Amino acid sequence: MDYRKVLLAAHVAMAVAFIICVGAVLVAYVYYESFSLLQQVGAHILLIVSPAALKLGYVARLTALHRLGLAVN
């Protein structure tokens, strides 16, 4: 398995999950008056799912770094 590709995918997953999480916070708490109830519920669900995706990306990053023999920090 090419762990450099895993490392890149992990970084992308973490970035996307972070952006989704920030967007969900904005929809759910900052600009909530501009969105329907269904959209707000979706944003609250994303507030649970996106940090989990961020954590999975981080674990993939740690695994790839370990397998590549690079410093894990």
Protein backbone atom coordinates (compact mmCIF):
# COMPACT_ATOMS: atom_id res chain seq x y z
CA MET A 1 0.00 0.00 0.00
CA ASP A 2 1.27 3.46 -0.87
CA TYR A 3 1.14 5.35 2.43
CA ARG A 4 2.00 8.66 0.77
CA LYS A 5 -1.42 8.50 -0.92
CA VAL A 6 -2.99 7.59 2.41
CA LEU A 7 -1.30 10.60 3.99
CA LEU A 8 -2.58 12.91 1.25
CA ALA A 9 -6.10 11.48 1.53
CA ALA A 10 -5.99 11.93 5.31
CA HIS A 11 -4.98 15.57 4.97
CA VAL A 12 -7.76 16.19 2.45
CA ALA A 13 -10.31 14.41 4.65
CA MET A 14 -9.30 16.47 7.66
CA ALA A 15 -9.51 19.74 5.72
CA VAL A 16 -12.91 18.91 4.24
CA ALA A 17 -14.29 17.79 7.61
CA PHE A 18 -13.06 21.01 9.22
CA ILE A 19 -14.65 23.18 6.53
CA ILE A 20 -17.94 21.27 6.85
CA CYS A 21 -17.84 21.65 10.62
CA VAL A 22 -17.28 25.41 10.41
CA GLY A 23 -20.09 25.72 7.86
CA ALA A 24 -22.42 23.71 10.08
CA VAL A 25 -21.63 25.96 13.05
CA LEU A 26 -22.40 29.02 10.95
CA VAL A 27 -25.71 27.57 9.76
CA ALA A 28 -26.76 26.19 13.15
CA TYR A 29 -25.76 29.08 15.42
CA VAL A 30 -24.75 32.26 13.59
CA TYR A 31 -27.08 32.64 10.60
CA TYR A 32 -29.87 30.34 11.82
CA GLU A 33 -32.61 32.86 11.01
CA SER A 34 -31.77 32.62 7.31
CA PHE A 35 -32.24 28.84 7.13
CA SER A 36 -35.24 26.55 7.39
CA LEU A 37 -35.74 24.20 10.30
CA LEU A 38 -34.79 21.21 8.16
CA GLN A 39 -31.51 22.87 7.15
CA GLN A 40 -30.77 23.68 10.79
CA VAL A 41 -31.42 20.08 11.80
CA GLY A 42 -29.07 18.95 9.03
CA ALA A 43 -26.42 21.36 10.30
CA HIS A 44 -26.75 19.97 13.84
CA ILE A 45 -26.37 16.44 12.49
CA LEU A 46 -23.25 17.53 10.62
CA LEU A 47 -21.91 18.89 13.91
CA ILE A 48 -21.82 15.30 15.11
CA VAL A 49 -20.62 13.64 11.90
CA SER A 50 -17.90 16.06 10.78
CA PRO A 51 -15.75 15.85 13.96
CA ALA A 52 -15.93 12.06 13.68
CA ALA A 53 -14.66 12.31 10.09
CA LEU A 54 -11.93 14.67 11.28
CA LYS A 55 -10.84 12.12 13.88
CA LEU A 56 -10.81 9.31 11.32
CA GLY A 57 -8.65 11.43 9.03
CA TYR A 58 -6.28 12.10 11.91
CA VAL A 59 -5.97 8.41 12.72
CA ALA A 60 -5.26 7.68 9.03
CA ARG A 61 -2.62 10.45 9.11
CA LEU A 62 -0.94 8.98 12.18
CA THR A 63 -0.95 5.49 10.64
CA ALA A 64 0.54 6.75 7.38
CA LEU A 65 3.25 8.73 9.15
CA HIS A 66 4.15 5.73 11.28
CA ARG A 67 4.34 3.40 8.26
CA LEU A 68 6.47 5.93 6.36
CA GLY A 69 8.87 6.17 9.29
CA LEU A 70 8.25 9.89 9.75
CA ALA A 71 7.82 11.74 13.03
CA VAL A 72 4.37 11.32 14.47
CA ASN A 73 3.34 14.54 16.20
